[in-house]
Amino acid sequence: MLYLIGLGLGDAKDITVKGLEVVRRCSRVYLEAYTSVLTVGKEALEEFYGRKLILADREEVEQEADNIFKDADVSDVAFLVVGDPFGATTHSDLILRATKLGIPYQVIHNASIM
């Protein structure tokens, strides 16, 4: 399962309870690092979530998304986004690609300025 999880707009504790539960059980957790400004350091997120995060830059998401989708049909993979997951069209594209590959997905929304 691929999870797109909104982180909210403030600090590490702005993630929803549902989002945090999912992050803690996923086999891999990606942190999208180019469409929005992260107001807290990656290390602070890792400490609060109790998980290592894999930075996903533009190239990773747009050209090498197969890395993100790898094994998502048999294990849980999280993709963390500042604000709400649909604040950028790139994130909608991930859902479209997951659907095309037959990978189930779930979106966990959060606060956004949109």
PDB file of N, CA and C in Angstrom:
ATOM      1  N   MET A   1       0.853  -1.173   0.000  1.00  0.00           N
ATOM      2  CA  MET A   1       0.000   0.000   0.000  1.00  0.00           C
ATOM      3  C   MET A   1       0.898   1.235   0.000  1.00  0.00           C
ATOM      4  N   LEU A   2       0.549   2.186  -0.824  1.00  0.00           N
ATOM      5  CA  LEU A   2       1.224   3.481  -0.846  1.00  0.00           C
ATOM      6  C   LEU A   2       0.366   4.469  -0.070  1.00  0.00           C
ATOM      7  N   TYR A   3       0.970   5.130   0.892  1.00  0.00           N
ATOM      8  CA  TYR A   3       0.285   6.148   1.679  1.00  0.00           C
ATOM      9  C   TYR A   3       0.861   7.514   1.338  1.00  0.00           C
ATOM     10  N   LEU A   4       0.017   8.453   0.959  1.00  0.00           N
ATOM     11  CA  LEU A   4       0.408   9.855   0.829  1.00  0.00           C
ATOM     12  C   LEU A   4      -0.073  10.542   2.092  1.00  0.00           C
ATOM     13  N   ILE A   5       0.857  11.096   2.859  1.00  0.00           N
ATOM     14  CA  ILE A   5       0.534  11.624   4.179  1.00  0.00           C
ATOM     15  C   ILE A   5       0.916  13.092   4.270  1.00  0.00           C
ATOM     16  N   GLY A   6      -0.059  13.930   4.596  1.00  0.00           N
ATOM     17  CA  GLY A   6       0.196  15.345   4.819  1.00  0.00           C
ATOM     18  C   GLY A   6       0.795  15.565   6.193  1.00  0.00           C
ATOM     19  N   LEU A   7       1.791  16.448   6.264  1.00  0.00           N
ATOM     20  CA  LEU A   7       2.472  16.721   7.526  1.00  0.00           C
ATOM     21  C   LEU A   7       1.961  17.966   8.231  1.00  0.00           C
ATOM     22  N   GLY A   8       1.066  18.721   7.597  1.00  0.00           N
ATOM     23  CA  GLY A   8       0.656  19.990   8.186  1.00  0.00           C
ATOM     24  C   GLY A   8       1.682  21.061   7.874  1.00  0.00           C
ATOM     25  N   LEU A   9       1.594  22.167   8.587  1.00  0.00           N
ATOM     26  CA  LEU A   9       2.406  23.333   8.226  1.00  0.00           C
ATOM     27  C   LEU A   9       3.418  23.772   9.273  1.00  0.00           C
ATOM     28  N   GLY A  10       3.413  23.176  10.434  1.00  0.00           N
ATOM     29  CA  GLY A  10       4.273  23.660  11.510  1.00  0.00           C
ATOM     30  C   GLY A  10       5.443  22.756  11.799  1.00  0.00           C
ATOM     31  N   ASP A  11       5.429  22.186  13.000  1.00  0.00           N
ATOM     32  CA  ASP A  11       6.561  21.374  13.431  1.00  0.00           C
ATOM     33  C   ASP A  11       6.274  19.875  13.288  1.00  0.00           C
ATOM     34  N   ALA A  12       7.156  19.069  13.832  1.00  0.00           N
ATOM     35  CA  ALA A  12       7.048  17.617  13.689  1.00  0.00           C
ATOM     36  C   ALA A  12       5.744  17.066  14.255  1.00  0.00           C
ATOM     37  N   LYS A  13       5.177  17.730  15.246  1.00  0.00           N
ATOM     38  CA  LYS A  13       3.975  17.225  15.909  1.00  0.00           C
ATOM     39  C   LYS A  13       2.683  17.569  15.181  1.00  0.00           C
ATOM     40  N   ASP A  14       2.764  18.218  14.037  1.00  0.00           N
ATOM     41  CA  ASP A  14       1.553  18.561  13.283  1.00  0.00           C
ATOM     42  C   ASP A  14       0.993  17.394  12.477  1.00  0.00           C
ATOM     43  N   ILE A  15       1.712  16.312  12.361  1.00  0.00           N
ATOM     44  CA  ILE A  15       1.188  15.139  11.668  1.00  0.00           C
ATOM     45  C   ILE A  15      -0.041  14.636  12.434  1.00  0.00           C
ATOM     46  N   THR A  16      -1.020  14.084  11.723  1.00  0.00           N
ATOM     47  CA  THR A  16      -2.197  13.545  12.407  1.00  0.00           C
ATOM     48  C   THR A  16      -1.831  12.245  13.126  1.00  0.00           C
ATOM     49  N   VAL A  17      -2.654  11.859  14.079  1.00  0.00           N
ATOM     50  CA  VAL A  17      -2.434  10.597  14.786  1.00  0.00           C
ATOM     51  C   VAL A  17      -2.452   9.441  13.786  1.00  0.00           C
ATOM     52  N   LYS A  18      -3.413   9.460  12.877  1.00  0.00           N
ATOM     53  CA  LYS A  18      -3.504   8.417  11.851  1.00  0.00           C
ATOM     54  C   LYS A  18      -2.233   8.381  11.006  1.00  0.00           C
ATOM     55  N   GLY A  19      -1.758   9.550  10.596  1.00  0.00           N
ATOM     56  CA  GLY A  19      -0.542   9.620   9.794  1.00  0.00           C
ATOM     57  C   GLY A  19       0.660   9.068  10.531  1.00  0.00           C
ATOM     58  N   LEU A  20       0.790   9.414  11.803  1.00  0.00           N
ATOM     59  CA  LEU A  20       1.917   8.941  12.607  1.00  0.00           C
ATOM     60  C   LEU A  20       1.871   7.424  12.779  1.00  0.00           C
ATOM     61  N   GLU A  21       0.692   6.881  13.007  1.00  0.00           N
ATOM     62  CA  GLU A  21       0.561   5.426  13.135  1.00  0.00           C
ATOM     63  C   GLU A  21       1.014   4.723  11.857  1.00  0.00           C
ATOM     64  N   VAL A  22       0.640   5.269  10.719  1.00  0.00           N
ATOM     65  CA  VAL A  22       1.029   4.671   9.439  1.00  0.00           C
ATOM     66  C   VAL A  22       2.540   4.775   9.237  1.00  0.00           C
ATOM     67  N   VAL A  23       3.113   5.952   9.496  1.00  0.00           N
ATOM     68  CA  VAL A  23       4.558   6.146   9.334  1.00  0.00           C
ATOM     69  C   VAL A  23       5.327   5.118  10.152  1.00  0.00           C
ATOM     70  N   ARG A  24       4.892   4.890  11.363  1.00  0.00           N
ATOM     71  CA  ARG A  24       5.620   3.984  12.259  1.00  0.00           C
ATOM     72  C   ARG A  24       5.559   2.524  11.822  1.00  0.00           C
ATOM     73  N   ARG A  25       4.592   2.159  10.993  1.00  0.00           N
ATOM     74  CA  ARG A  25       4.507   0.756  10.568  1.00  0.00           C
ATOM     75  C   ARG A  25       4.980   0.507   9.130  1.00  0.00           C
ATOM     76  N   CYS A  26       5.310   1.561   8.395  1.00  0.00           N
ATOM     77  CA  CYS A  26       5.735   1.388   7.000  1.00  0.00           C
ATOM     78  C   CYS A  26       7.153   0.839   6.902  1.00  0.00           C
ATOM     79  N   SER A  27       7.401   0.088   5.843  1.00  0.00           N
ATOM     80  CA  SER A  27       8.742  -0.458   5.626  1.00  0.00           C
ATOM     81  C   SER A  27       9.708   0.612   5.117  1.00  0.00           C
ATOM     82  N   ARG A  28       9.187   1.587   4.343  1.00  0.00           N
ATOM     83  CA  ARG A  28       9.991   2.717   3.862  1.00  0.00           C
ATOM     84  C   ARG A  28       9.162   3.982   3.991  1.00  0.00           C
ATOM     85  N   VAL A  29       9.862   5.082   4.330  1.00  0.00           N
ATOM     86  CA  VAL A  29       9.184   6.371   4.473  1.00  0.00           C
ATOM     87  C   VAL A  29       9.974   7.422   3.699  1.00  0.00           C
ATOM     88  N   TYR A  30       9.325   7.988   2.680  1.00  0.00           N
ATOM     89  CA  TYR A  30       9.934   9.031   1.859  1.00  0.00           C
ATOM     90  C   TYR A  30       9.450  10.395   2.329  1.00  0.00           C
ATOM     91  N   LEU A  31      10.341  11.368   2.308  1.00  0.00           N
ATOM     92  CA  LEU A  31      10.004  12.752   2.626  1.00  0.00           C
ATOM     93  C   LEU A  31      10.197  13.585   1.372  1.00  0.00           C
ATOM     94  N   GLU A  32       9.101  14.059   0.816  1.00  0.00           N
ATOM     95  CA  GLU A  32       9.161  14.888  -0.395  1.00  0.00           C
ATOM     96  C   GLU A  32       9.851  16.195  -0.040  1.00  0.00           C
ATOM     97  N   ALA A  33      10.859  16.552  -0.825  1.00  0.00           N
ATOM     98  CA  ALA A  33      11.735  17.646  -0.422  1.00  0.00           C
ATOM     99  C   ALA A  33      11.928  18.714  -1.490  1.00  0.00           C
ATOM    100  N   TYR A  34      10.863  19.016  -2.265  1.00  0.00           N
ATOM    101  CA  TYR A  34      11.097  20.066  -3.250  1.00  0.00           C
ATOM    102  C   TYR A  34       9.889  20.923  -3.596  1.00  0.00           C
ATOM    103  N   THR A  35       8.667  20.523  -3.338  1.00  0.00           N
ATOM    104  CA  THR A  35       7.532  21.372  -3.727  1.00  0.00           C
ATOM    105  C   THR A  35       7.132  22.364  -2.648  1.00  0.00           C
ATOM    106  N   SER A  36       7.554  22.135  -1.407  1.00  0.00           N
ATOM    107  CA  SER A  36       7.223  23.037  -0.301  1.00  0.00           C
ATOM    108  C   SER A  36       8.420  23.175   0.623  1.00  0.00           C
ATOM    109  N   VAL A  37       8.399  24.224   1.428  1.00  0.00           N
ATOM    110  CA  VAL A  37       9.480  24.462   2.380  1.00  0.00           C
ATOM    111  C   VAL A  37       9.160  23.733   3.681  1.00  0.00           C
ATOM    112  N   LEU A  38      10.071  22.900   4.105  1.00  0.00           N
ATOM    113  CA  LEU A  38       9.932  22.187   5.363  1.00  0.00           C
ATOM    114  C   LEU A  38      10.427  23.095   6.482  1.00  0.00           C
ATOM    115  N   THR A  39       9.563  23.392   7.452  1.00  0.00           N
ATOM    116  CA  THR A  39       9.924  24.346   8.509  1.00  0.00           C
ATOM    117  C   THR A  39      10.614  23.688   9.694  1.00  0.00           C
ATOM    118  N   VAL A  40      10.841  22.406   9.602  1.00  0.00           N
ATOM    119  CA  VAL A  40      11.515  21.662  10.664  1.00  0.00           C
ATOM    120  C   VAL A  40      12.545  20.754  10.000  1.00  0.00           C
ATOM    121  N   GLY A  41      13.619  20.478  10.687  1.00  0.00           N
ATOM    122  CA  GLY A  41      14.666  19.644  10.108  1.00  0.00           C
ATOM    123  C   GLY A  41      14.271  18.182   9.977  1.00  0.00           C
ATOM    124  N   LYS A  42      14.838  17.532   8.994  1.00  0.00           N
ATOM    125  CA  LYS A  42      14.605  16.100   8.767  1.00  0.00           C
ATOM    126  C   LYS A  42      14.920  15.299  10.026  1.00  0.00           C
ATOM    127  N   GLU A  43      15.980  15.674  10.719  1.00  0.00           N
ATOM    128  CA  GLU A  43      16.391  14.966  11.928  1.00  0.00           C
ATOM    129  C   GLU A  43      15.326  15.053  13.016  1.00  0.00           C
ATOM    130  N   ALA A  44      14.679  16.218  13.138  1.00  0.00           N
ATOM    131  CA  ALA A  44      13.609  16.380  14.137  1.00  0.00           C
ATOM    132  C   ALA A  44      12.426  15.477  13.806  1.00  0.00           C
ATOM    133  N   LEU A  45      12.108  15.367  12.518  1.00  0.00           N
ATOM    134  CA  LEU A  45      11.026  14.474  12.102  1.00  0.00           C
ATOM    135  C   LEU A  45      11.394  13.020  12.404  1.00  0.00           C
ATOM    136  N   GLU A  46      12.614  12.643  12.075  1.00  0.00           N
ATOM    137  CA  GLU A  46      13.051  11.264  12.319  1.00  0.00           C
ATOM    138  C   GLU A  46      12.996  10.924  13.807  1.00  0.00           C
ATOM    139  N   GLU A  47      13.409  11.868  14.625  1.00  0.00           N
ATOM    140  CA  GLU A  47      13.394  11.633  16.074  1.00  0.00           C
ATOM    141  C   GLU A  47      11.963  11.461  16.583  1.00  0.00           C
ATOM    142  N   PHE A  48      11.061  12.338  16.161  1.00  0.00           N
ATOM    143  CA  PHE A  48       9.675  12.266  16.631  1.00  0.00           C
ATOM    144  C   PHE A  48       8.955  11.034  16.084  1.00  0.00           C
ATOM    145  N   TYR A  49       9.179  10.711  14.814  1.00  0.00           N
ATOM    146  CA  TYR A  49       8.499   9.572  14.193  1.00  0.00           C
ATOM    147  C   TYR A  49       9.125   8.234  14.584  1.00  0.00           C
ATOM    148  N   GLY A  50      10.380   8.268  15.027  1.00  0.00           N
ATOM    149  CA  GLY A  50      11.074   7.027  15.348  1.00  0.00           C
ATOM    150  C   GLY A  50      11.449   6.227  14.116  1.00  0.00           C
ATOM    151  N   ARG A  51      11.648   6.925  12.993  1.00  0.00           N
ATOM    152  CA  ARG A  51      11.931   6.282  11.703  1.00  0.00           C
ATOM    153  C   ARG A  51      12.948   7.087  10.916  1.00  0.00           C
ATOM    154  N   LYS A  52      13.756   6.399  10.140  1.00  0.00           N
ATOM    155  CA  LYS A  52      14.625   7.068   9.171  1.00  0.00           C
ATOM    156  C   LYS A  52      13.773   7.481   7.979  1.00  0.00           C
ATOM    157  N   LEU A  53      14.062   8.660   7.430  1.00  0.00           N
ATOM    158  CA  LEU A  53      13.334   9.164   6.269  1.00  0.00           C
ATOM    159  C   LEU A  53      14.259   9.193   5.061  1.00  0.00           C
ATOM    160  N   ILE A  54      13.706   8.854   3.912  1.00  0.00           N
ATOM    161  CA  ILE A  54      14.438   8.894   2.650  1.00  0.00           C
ATOM    162  C   ILE A  54      14.022  10.173   1.928  1.00  0.00           C
ATOM    163  N   LEU A  55      14.970  11.069   1.679  1.00  0.00           N
ATOM    164  CA  LEU A  55      14.636  12.306   0.970  1.00  0.00           C
ATOM    165  C   LEU A  55      14.304  11.999  -0.486  1.00  0.00           C
ATOM    166  N   ALA A  56      13.192  12.538  -0.933  1.00  0.00           N
ATOM    167  CA  ALA A  56      12.757  12.353  -2.322  1.00  0.00           C
ATOM    168  C   ALA A  56      12.775  13.707  -3.018  1.00  0.00           C
ATOM    169  N   ASP A  57      13.782  13.918  -3.857  1.00  0.00           N
ATOM    170  CA  ASP A  57      13.875  15.175  -4.597  1.00  0.00           C
ATOM    171  C   ASP A  57      13.067  15.078  -5.892  1.00  0.00           C
ATOM    172  N   ARG A  58      13.089  16.137  -6.668  1.00  0.00           N
ATOM    173  CA  ARG A  58      12.297  16.187  -7.902  1.00  0.00           C
ATOM    174  C   ARG A  58      12.613  15.009  -8.825  1.00  0.00           C
ATOM    175  N   GLU A  59      13.882  14.726  -9.017  1.00  0.00           N
ATOM    176  CA  GLU A  59      14.275  13.637  -9.920  1.00  0.00           C
ATOM    177  C   GLU A  59      13.741  12.292  -9.426  1.00  0.00           C
ATOM    178  N   GLU A  60      13.862  12.057  -8.123  1.00  0.00           N
ATOM    179  CA  GLU A  60      13.375  10.799  -7.545  1.00  0.00           C
ATOM    180  C   GLU A  60      11.883  10.613  -7.794  1.00  0.00           C
ATOM    181  N   VAL A  61      11.114  11.675  -7.595  1.00  0.00           N
ATOM    182  CA  VAL A  61       9.655  11.580  -7.698  1.00  0.00           C
ATOM    183  C   VAL A  61       9.181  11.558  -9.144  1.00  0.00           C
ATOM    184  N   GLU A  62       9.761  12.389  -9.978  1.00  0.00           N
ATOM    185  CA  GLU A  62       9.255  12.521 -11.344  1.00  0.00           C
ATOM    186  C   GLU A  62       9.871  11.538 -12.329  1.00  0.00           C
ATOM    187  N   GLN A  63      11.129  11.150 -12.110  1.00  0.00           N
ATOM    188  CA  GLN A  63      11.793  10.299 -13.096  1.00  0.00           C
ATOM    189  C   GLN A  63      12.155   8.911 -12.577  1.00  0.00           C
ATOM    190  N   GLU A  64      12.244   8.770 -11.271  1.00  0.00           N
ATOM    191  CA  GLU A  64      12.643   7.485 -10.697  1.00  0.00           C
ATOM    192  C   GLU A  64      11.608   6.980  -9.697  1.00  0.00           C
ATOM    193  N   ALA A  65      10.337   7.240  -9.970  1.00  0.00           N
ATOM    194  CA  ALA A  65       9.260   6.866  -9.049  1.00  0.00           C
ATOM    195  C   ALA A  65       9.164   5.358  -8.848  1.00  0.00           C
ATOM    196  N   ASP A  66       9.736   4.582  -9.758  1.00  0.00           N
ATOM    197  CA  ASP A  66       9.717   3.127  -9.584  1.00  0.00           C
ATOM    198  C   ASP A  66      10.359   2.727  -8.257  1.00  0.00           C
ATOM    199  N   ASN A  67      11.342   3.518  -7.796  1.00  0.00           N
ATOM    200  CA  ASN A  67      11.962   3.255  -6.491  1.00  0.00           C
ATOM    201  C   ASN A  67      10.931   3.373  -5.373  1.00  0.00           C
ATOM    202  N   ILE A  68      10.055   4.358  -5.487  1.00  0.00           N
ATOM    203  CA  ILE A  68       9.019   4.571  -4.474  1.00  0.00           C
ATOM    204  C   ILE A  68       7.994   3.441  -4.529  1.00  0.00           C
ATOM    205  N   PHE A  69       7.619   3.032  -5.731  1.00  0.00           N
ATOM    206  CA  PHE A  69       6.599   1.997  -5.901  1.00  0.00           C
ATOM    207  C   PHE A  69       7.105   0.580  -5.627  1.00  0.00           C
ATOM    208  N   LYS A  70       8.433   0.401  -5.602  1.00  0.00           N
ATOM    209  CA  LYS A  70       9.005  -0.935  -5.435  1.00  0.00           C
ATOM    210  C   LYS A  70       8.441  -1.608  -4.181  1.00  0.00           C
ATOM    211  N   ASP A  71       7.856  -2.774  -4.372  1.00  0.00           N
ATOM    212  CA  ASP A  71       7.288  -3.606  -3.306  1.00  0.00           C
ATOM    213  C   ASP A  71       6.089  -2.985  -2.593  1.00  0.00           C
ATOM    214  N   ALA A  72       5.569  -1.855  -3.084  1.00  0.00           N
ATOM    215  CA  ALA A  72       4.402  -1.236  -2.440  1.00  0.00           C
ATOM    216  C   ALA A  72       3.143  -2.071  -2.628  1.00  0.00           C
ATOM    217  N   ASP A  73       3.213  -3.063  -3.491  1.00  0.00           N
ATOM    218  CA  ASP A  73       2.069  -3.964  -3.654  1.00  0.00           C
ATOM    219  C   ASP A  73       2.040  -5.046  -2.573  1.00  0.00           C
ATOM    220  N   VAL A  74       3.164  -5.230  -1.861  1.00  0.00           N
ATOM    221  CA  VAL A  74       3.229  -6.252  -0.814  1.00  0.00           C
ATOM    222  C   VAL A  74       3.653  -5.713   0.552  1.00  0.00           C
ATOM    223  N   SER A  75       4.060  -4.450   0.617  1.00  0.00           N
ATOM    224  CA  SER A  75       4.425  -3.836   1.895  1.00  0.00           C
ATOM    225  C   SER A  75       3.969  -2.381   1.898  1.00  0.00           C
ATOM    226  N   ASP A  76       3.978  -1.777   3.071  1.00  0.00           N
ATOM    227  CA  ASP A  76       3.510  -0.398   3.207  1.00  0.00           C
ATOM    228  C   ASP A  76       4.653   0.592   3.001  1.00  0.00           C
ATOM    229  N   VAL A  77       4.394   1.595   2.155  1.00  0.00           N
ATOM    230  CA  VAL A  77       5.361   2.647   1.848  1.00  0.00           C
ATOM    231  C   VAL A  77       4.667   3.986   2.068  1.00  0.00           C
ATOM    232  N   ALA A  78       5.333   4.891   2.779  1.00  0.00           N
ATOM    233  CA  ALA A  78       4.757   6.214   3.039  1.00  0.00           C
ATOM    234  C   ALA A  78       5.498   7.274   2.237  1.00  0.00           C
ATOM    235  N   PHE A  79       4.738   8.256   1.778  1.00  0.00           N
ATOM    236  CA  PHE A  79       5.282   9.408   1.052  1.00  0.00           C
ATOM    237  C   PHE A  79       4.763  10.644   1.781  1.00  0.00           C
ATOM    238  N   LEU A  80       5.652  11.332   2.492  1.00  0.00           N
ATOM    239  CA  LEU A  80       5.277  12.465   3.332  1.00  0.00           C
ATOM    240  C   LEU A  80       5.387  13.770   2.567  1.00  0.00           C
ATOM    241  N   VAL A  81       4.369  14.619   2.746  1.00  0.00           N
ATOM    242  CA  VAL A  81       4.287  15.881   2.016  1.00  0.00           C
ATOM    243  C   VAL A  81       3.976  17.006   3.000  1.00  0.00           C
ATOM    244  N   VAL A  82       4.697  18.122   2.900  1.00  0.00           N
ATOM    245  CA  VAL A  82       4.390  19.295   3.718  1.00  0.00           C
ATOM    246  C   VAL A  82       2.996  19.791   3.357  1.00  0.00           C
ATOM    247  N   GLY A  83       2.196  20.123   4.368  1.00  0.00           N
ATOM    248  CA  GLY A  83       0.830  20.586   4.123  1.00  0.00           C
ATOM    249  C   GLY A  83      -0.065  19.413   3.808  1.00  0.00           C
ATOM    250  N   ASP A  84      -0.847  19.530   2.752  1.00  0.00           N
ATOM    251  CA  ASP A  84      -1.759  18.473   2.324  1.00  0.00           C
ATOM    252  C   ASP A  84      -1.161  17.755   1.113  1.00  0.00           C
ATOM    253  N   PRO A  85      -1.378  16.456   0.982  1.00  0.00           N
ATOM    254  CA  PRO A  85      -0.759  15.702  -0.109  1.00  0.00           C
ATOM    255  C   PRO A  85      -1.060  16.203  -1.518  1.00  0.00           C
ATOM    256  N   PHE A  86      -2.181  16.873  -1.723  1.00  0.00           N
ATOM    257  CA  PHE A  86      -2.504  17.298  -3.080  1.00  0.00           C
ATOM    258  C   PHE A  86      -2.200  18.771  -3.330  1.00  0.00           C
ATOM    259  N   GLY A  87      -1.193  19.295  -2.637  1.00  0.00           N
ATOM    260  CA  GLY A  87      -0.763  20.669  -2.848  1.00  0.00           C
ATOM    261  C   GLY A  87       0.050  20.844  -4.122  1.00  0.00           C
ATOM    262  N   ALA A  88       0.432  19.751  -4.760  1.00  0.00           N
ATOM    263  CA  ALA A  88       1.197  19.815  -6.012  1.00  0.00           C
ATOM    264  C   ALA A  88       0.703  18.722  -6.954  1.00  0.00           C
ATOM    265  N   THR A  89       0.703  19.020  -8.238  1.00  0.00           N
ATOM    266  CA  THR A  89       0.222  18.044  -9.224  1.00  0.00           C
ATOM    267  C   THR A  89       1.093  16.789  -9.261  1.00  0.00           C
ATOM    268  N   THR A  90       2.344  16.913  -8.876  1.00  0.00           N
ATOM    269  CA  THR A  90       3.239  15.758  -8.835  1.00  0.00           C
ATOM    270  C   THR A  90       2.665  14.660  -7.949  1.00  0.00           C
ATOM    271  N   HIS A  91       2.030  15.057  -6.862  1.00  0.00           N
ATOM    272  CA  HIS A  91       1.495  14.069  -5.928  1.00  0.00           C
ATOM    273  C   HIS A  91       0.264  13.381  -6.511  1.00  0.00           C
ATOM    274  N   SER A  92      -0.541  14.120  -7.256  1.00  0.00           N
ATOM    275  CA  SER A  92      -1.674  13.506  -7.965  1.00  0.00           C
ATOM    276  C   SER A  92      -1.157  12.501  -8.986  1.00  0.00           C
ATOM    277  N   ASP A  93      -0.053  12.841  -9.626  1.00  0.00           N
ATOM    278  CA  ASP A  93       0.545  11.943 -10.609  1.00  0.00           C
ATOM    279  C   ASP A  93       1.005  10.637  -9.963  1.00  0.00           C
ATOM    280  N   LEU A  94       1.513  10.701  -8.735  1.00  0.00           N
ATOM    281  CA  LEU A  94       1.904   9.475  -8.039  1.00  0.00           C
ATOM    282  C   LEU A  94       0.705   8.541  -7.873  1.00  0.00           C
ATOM    283  N   ILE A  95      -0.436   9.108  -7.532  1.00  0.00           N
ATOM    284  CA  ILE A  95      -1.654   8.310  -7.367  1.00  0.00           C
ATOM    285  C   ILE A  95      -2.066   7.686  -8.702  1.00  0.00           C
ATOM    286  N   LEU A  96      -2.003   8.473  -9.767  1.00  0.00           N
ATOM    287  CA  LEU A  96      -2.355   7.942 -11.088  1.00  0.00           C
ATOM    288  C   LEU A  96      -1.430   6.797 -11.486  1.00  0.00           C
ATOM    289  N   ARG A  97      -0.134   6.967 -11.228  1.00  0.00           N
ATOM    290  CA  ARG A  97       0.822   5.908 -11.568  1.00  0.00           C
ATOM    291  C   ARG A  97       0.620   4.665 -10.703  1.00  0.00           C
ATOM    292  N   ALA A  98       0.339   4.867  -9.418  1.00  0.00           N
ATOM    293  CA  ALA A  98       0.082   3.725  -8.531  1.00  0.00           C
ATOM    294  C   ALA A  98      -1.132   2.938  -9.021  1.00  0.00           C
ATOM    295  N   THR A  99      -2.179   3.660  -9.406  1.00  0.00           N
ATOM    296  CA  THR A  99      -3.393   3.016  -9.912  1.00  0.00           C
ATOM    297  C   THR A  99      -3.084   2.200 -11.161  1.00  0.00           C
ATOM    298  N   LYS A 100      -2.306   2.779 -12.053  1.00  0.00           N
ATOM    299  CA  LYS A 100      -1.929   2.092 -13.296  1.00  0.00           C
ATOM    300  C   LYS A 100      -1.134   0.814 -13.014  1.00  0.00           C
ATOM    301  N   LEU A 101      -0.326   0.848 -11.942  1.00  0.00           N
ATOM    302  CA  LEU A 101       0.487  -0.313 -11.577  1.00  0.00           C
ATOM    303  C   LEU A 101      -0.269  -1.308 -10.698  1.00  0.00           C
ATOM    304  N   GLY A 102      -1.510  -0.974 -10.341  1.00  0.00           N
ATOM    305  CA  GLY A 102      -2.295  -1.856  -9.486  1.00  0.00           C
ATOM    306  C   GLY A 102      -1.892  -1.809  -8.025  1.00  0.00           C
ATOM    307  N   ILE A 103      -1.237  -0.729  -7.622  1.00  0.00           N
ATOM    308  CA  ILE A 103      -0.806  -0.572  -6.233  1.00  0.00           C
ATOM    309  C   ILE A 103      -1.896   0.171  -5.462  1.00  0.00           C
ATOM    310  N   PRO A 104      -2.412  -0.421  -4.395  1.00  0.00           N
ATOM    311  CA  PRO A 104      -3.426   0.280  -3.611  1.00  0.00           C
ATOM    312  C   PRO A 104      -2.807   1.494  -2.918  1.00  0.00           C
ATOM    313  N   TYR A 105      -3.636   2.496  -2.658  1.00  0.00           N
ATOM    314  CA  TYR A 105      -3.136   3.706  -2.006  1.00  0.00           C
ATOM    315  C   TYR A 105      -4.182   4.253  -1.047  1.00  0.00           C
ATOM    316  N   GLN A 106      -3.693   5.064  -0.119  1.00  0.00           N
ATOM    317  CA  GLN A 106      -4.568   5.794   0.794  1.00  0.00           C
ATOM    318  C   GLN A 106      -3.957   7.170   1.013  1.00  0.00           C
ATOM    319  N   VAL A 107      -4.809   8.179   1.059  1.00  0.00           N
ATOM    320  CA  VAL A 107      -4.374   9.550   1.300  1.00  0.00           C
ATOM    321  C   VAL A 107      -4.791   9.945   2.708  1.00  0.00           C
ATOM    322  N   ILE A 108      -3.851  10.502   3.465  1.00  0.00           N
ATOM    323  CA  ILE A 108      -4.142  11.005   4.804  1.00  0.00           C
ATOM    324  C   ILE A 108      -3.897  12.507   4.764  1.00  0.00           C
ATOM    325  N   HIS A 109      -4.981  13.262   4.757  1.00  0.00           N
ATOM    326  CA  HIS A 109      -4.919  14.714   4.594  1.00  0.00           C
ATOM    327  C   HIS A 109      -4.445  15.414   5.864  1.00  0.00           C
ATOM    328  N   ASN A 110      -4.071  16.680   5.691  1.00  0.00           N
ATOM    329  CA  ASN A 110      -3.670  17.516   6.811  1.00  0.00           C
ATOM    330  C   ASN A 110      -3.892  18.968   6.416  1.00  0.00           C
ATOM    331  N   ALA A 111      -3.582  19.875   7.323  1.00  0.00           N
ATOM    332  CA  ALA A 111      -3.771  21.302   7.089  1.00  0.00           C
ATOM    333  C   ALA A 111      -2.874  21.797   5.960  1.00  0.00           C
ATOM    334  N   SER A 112      -3.374  22.814   5.256  1.00  0.00           N
ATOM    335  CA  SER A 112      -2.646  23.398   4.138  1.00  0.00           C
ATOM    336  C   SER A 112      -3.060  24.852   3.988  1.00  0.00           C
ATOM    337  N   ILE A 113      -2.286  25.628   3.243  1.00  0.00           N
ATOM    338  CA  ILE A 113      -2.683  27.006   2.963  1.00  0.00           C
ATOM    339  C   ILE A 113      -3.490  27.099   1.689  1.00  0.00           C
ATOM    340  N   MET A 114      -3.703  25.967   1.015  1.00  0.00           N
ATOM    341  CA  MET A 114      -4.447  25.952  -0.246  1.00  0.00           C
ATOM    342  C   MET A 114      -5.917  26.176  -0.012  1.00  0.00           C
TER     343      MET A 114
END
